[in-house]
Amino acid sequence: MIHAVAERFKELRKAREISQELVQIDTGYNIGGLESGAYNITISTLSNLCKYYGVSIKEFFDGIEIE
């Protein structure tokens, strides 16, 4: 599941043509670490990043298969 979430963040960022550096500047989150699946995130981090990318949490999880 962590890797599916990581891949979804990468897809959102690339679709918006935003660099990892810009995401970190704007949000304070090391998105590179999140996108690599290096660590799990909190619900509040997920919520904040969804707001940053302009998607709801429901939209974020659409298409992600839960194992």
N, C-alpha and C. Protein backbone atom coordinates (compact mmCIF):
# COMPACT_ATOMS: atom_id res chain seq x y z
N MET A 1 0.82 -1.19 0.00
CA MET A 1 0.00 0.00 0.00
C MET A 1 0.87 1.26 0.00
N ILE A 2 1.98 1.23 0.74
CA ILE A 2 2.85 2.40 0.79
C ILE A 2 3.37 2.74 -0.60
N HIS A 3 3.71 1.72 -1.37
CA HIS A 3 4.24 1.97 -2.70
C HIS A 3 3.17 2.49 -3.66
N ALA A 4 1.93 2.05 -3.49
CA ALA A 4 0.83 2.56 -4.31
C ALA A 4 0.58 4.03 -4.01
N VAL A 5 0.62 4.40 -2.74
CA VAL A 5 0.46 5.80 -2.34
C VAL A 5 1.62 6.63 -2.87
N ALA A 6 2.83 6.09 -2.76
CA ALA A 6 4.02 6.79 -3.25
C ALA A 6 3.91 7.04 -4.75
N GLU A 7 3.47 6.03 -5.49
CA GLU A 7 3.34 6.17 -6.95
C GLU A 7 2.26 7.20 -7.30
N ARG A 8 1.18 7.23 -6.53
CA ARG A 8 0.11 8.19 -6.79
C ARG A 8 0.62 9.62 -6.58
N PHE A 9 1.40 9.86 -5.55
CA PHE A 9 1.96 11.19 -5.35
C PHE A 9 2.87 11.58 -6.51
N LYS A 10 3.65 10.64 -6.98
CA LYS A 10 4.54 10.91 -8.11
C LYS A 10 3.73 11.27 -9.36
N GLU A 11 2.65 10.52 -9.61
CA GLU A 11 1.78 10.80 -10.76
C GLU A 11 1.18 12.20 -10.67
N LEU A 12 0.69 12.56 -9.50
CA LEU A 12 0.08 13.89 -9.32
C LEU A 12 1.10 15.00 -9.57
N ARG A 13 2.28 14.83 -9.02
CA ARG A 13 3.32 15.86 -9.18
C ARG A 13 3.73 16.00 -10.63
N LYS A 14 3.97 14.89 -11.28
CA LYS A 14 4.41 14.94 -12.68
C LYS A 14 3.33 15.48 -13.60
N ALA A 15 2.07 15.15 -13.33
CA ALA A 15 0.96 15.66 -14.14
C ALA A 15 0.88 17.18 -14.07
N ARG A 16 1.32 17.74 -12.95
CA ARG A 16 1.28 19.19 -12.77
C ARG A 16 2.61 19.85 -13.14
N GLU A 17 3.56 19.01 -13.57
CA GLU A 17 4.88 19.48 -13.97
C GLU A 17 5.55 20.31 -12.88
N ILE A 18 5.52 19.75 -11.66
CA ILE A 18 6.11 20.39 -10.49
C ILE A 18 7.32 19.56 -10.07
N SER A 19 8.40 20.21 -9.73
CA SER A 19 9.59 19.49 -9.26
C SER A 19 9.43 19.09 -7.80
N GLN A 20 10.19 18.07 -7.41
CA GLN A 20 10.20 17.67 -6.00
C GLN A 20 10.67 18.82 -5.13
N GLU A 21 11.62 19.57 -5.62
CA GLU A 21 12.15 20.71 -4.87
C GLU A 21 11.07 21.75 -4.61
N LEU A 22 10.26 22.05 -5.62
CA LEU A 22 9.20 23.03 -5.44
C LEU A 22 8.16 22.55 -4.43
N VAL A 23 7.81 21.28 -4.49
CA VAL A 23 6.86 20.74 -3.52
C VAL A 23 7.42 20.91 -2.11
N GLN A 24 8.69 20.62 -1.93
CA GLN A 24 9.30 20.76 -0.61
C GLN A 24 9.32 22.22 -0.16
N ILE A 25 9.62 23.12 -1.07
CA ILE A 25 9.62 24.55 -0.73
C ILE A 25 8.21 25.00 -0.33
N ASP A 26 7.22 24.59 -1.13
CA ASP A 26 5.84 25.02 -0.89
C ASP A 26 5.20 24.38 0.34
N THR A 27 5.54 23.11 0.62
CA THR A 27 4.84 22.38 1.68
C THR A 27 5.69 22.04 2.89
N GLY A 28 7.00 22.00 2.70
CA GLY A 28 7.89 21.57 3.78
C GLY A 28 8.04 20.07 3.86
N TYR A 29 7.41 19.33 2.95
CA TYR A 29 7.51 17.87 2.95
C TYR A 29 8.57 17.40 1.97
N ASN A 30 9.35 16.43 2.39
CA ASN A 30 10.34 15.80 1.51
C ASN A 30 9.59 14.81 0.62
N ILE A 31 9.07 15.31 -0.48
CA ILE A 31 8.24 14.48 -1.36
C ILE A 31 9.06 13.36 -2.00
N GLY A 32 10.36 13.57 -2.14
CA GLY A 32 11.21 12.51 -2.69
C GLY A 32 11.18 11.27 -1.82
N GLY A 33 11.22 11.48 -0.52
CA GLY A 33 11.13 10.36 0.42
C GLY A 33 9.77 9.69 0.37
N LEU A 34 8.73 10.49 0.22
CA LEU A 34 7.39 9.93 0.12
C LEU A 34 7.21 9.15 -1.18
N GLU A 35 7.70 9.73 -2.29
CA GLU A 35 7.53 9.10 -3.59
C GLU A 35 8.32 7.81 -3.73
N SER A 36 9.38 7.67 -2.97
CA SER A 36 10.18 6.45 -3.04
C SER A 36 9.61 5.35 -2.13
N GLY A 37 8.65 5.72 -1.30
CA GLY A 37 8.08 4.76 -0.36
C GLY A 37 9.00 4.48 0.81
N ALA A 38 9.93 5.40 1.05
CA ALA A 38 10.91 5.22 2.12
C ALA A 38 10.27 5.23 3.50
N TYR A 39 9.16 5.93 3.64
CA TYR A 39 8.49 5.95 4.93
C TYR A 39 7.00 6.17 4.77
N ASN A 40 6.27 5.78 5.78
CA ASN A 40 4.83 5.93 5.80
C ASN A 40 4.48 7.37 6.18
N ILE A 41 3.32 7.84 5.79
CA ILE A 41 2.92 9.21 6.12
C ILE A 41 1.71 9.20 7.03
N THR A 42 1.49 10.32 7.67
CA THR A 42 0.33 10.48 8.53
C THR A 42 -0.87 10.92 7.70
N ILE A 43 -2.03 10.79 8.29
CA ILE A 43 -3.25 11.25 7.63
C ILE A 43 -3.19 12.76 7.40
N SER A 44 -2.64 13.50 8.35
CA SER A 44 -2.57 14.96 8.18
C SER A 44 -1.64 15.33 7.02
N THR A 45 -0.54 14.61 6.85
CA THR A 45 0.35 14.86 5.71
C THR A 45 -0.36 14.53 4.41
N LEU A 46 -1.05 13.40 4.38
CA LEU A 46 -1.83 13.02 3.20
C LEU A 46 -2.85 14.10 2.86
N SER A 47 -3.57 14.56 3.86
CA SER A 47 -4.58 15.59 3.65
C SER A 47 -3.96 16.89 3.12
N ASN A 48 -2.86 17.31 3.72
CA ASN A 48 -2.20 18.54 3.28
C ASN A 48 -1.69 18.44 1.85
N LEU A 49 -1.12 17.30 1.50
CA LEU A 49 -0.62 17.13 0.13
C LEU A 49 -1.76 17.03 -0.87
N CYS A 50 -2.86 16.41 -0.49
CA CYS A 50 -4.02 16.37 -1.38
C CYS A 50 -4.53 17.79 -1.65
N LYS A 51 -4.59 18.61 -0.61
CA LYS A 51 -4.99 20.00 -0.80
C LYS A 51 -4.01 20.72 -1.72
N TYR A 52 -2.73 20.49 -1.54
CA TYR A 52 -1.70 21.10 -2.37
C TYR A 52 -1.90 20.73 -3.84
N TYR A 53 -2.20 19.47 -4.10
CA TYR A 53 -2.38 19.01 -5.47
C TYR A 53 -3.80 19.24 -6.00
N GLY A 54 -4.69 19.70 -5.15
CA GLY A 54 -6.04 20.03 -5.58
C GLY A 54 -6.94 18.82 -5.80
N VAL A 55 -6.74 17.78 -5.01
CA VAL A 55 -7.59 16.60 -5.10
C VAL A 55 -8.12 16.25 -3.72
N SER A 56 -9.30 15.65 -3.70
CA SER A 56 -9.83 15.19 -2.41
C SER A 56 -9.14 13.88 -2.04
N ILE A 57 -9.27 13.50 -0.80
CA ILE A 57 -8.69 12.23 -0.37
C ILE A 57 -9.36 11.08 -1.12
N LYS A 58 -10.66 11.20 -1.35
CA LYS A 58 -11.37 10.17 -2.12
C LYS A 58 -10.78 10.07 -3.52
N GLU A 59 -10.60 11.21 -4.19
CA GLU A 59 -10.01 11.20 -5.53
C GLU A 59 -8.61 10.61 -5.51
N PHE A 60 -7.86 10.92 -4.47
CA PHE A 60 -6.50 10.41 -4.36
C PHE A 60 -6.50 8.88 -4.38
N PHE A 61 -7.43 8.27 -3.66
CA PHE A 61 -7.45 6.81 -3.55
C PHE A 61 -8.21 6.12 -4.68
N ASP A 62 -8.90 6.87 -5.53
CA ASP A 62 -9.56 6.26 -6.69
C ASP A 62 -8.52 5.56 -7.55
N GLY A 63 -8.74 4.30 -7.84
CA GLY A 63 -7.82 3.56 -8.69
C GLY A 63 -6.70 2.87 -7.94
N ILE A 64 -6.55 3.16 -6.66
CA ILE A 64 -5.52 2.47 -5.86
C ILE A 64 -6.17 1.22 -5.27
N GLU A 65 -5.58 0.08 -5.61
CA GLU A 65 -6.11 -1.18 -5.12
C GLU A 65 -5.57 -1.45 -3.71
N ILE A 66 -6.47 -1.69 -2.79
CA ILE A 66 -6.08 -1.97 -1.41
C ILE A 66 -5.89 -3.47 -1.26
N GLU A 67 -4.72 -3.83 -0.81
CA GLU A 67 -4.36 -5.26 -0.68
C GLU A 67 -4.78 -5.82 0.64
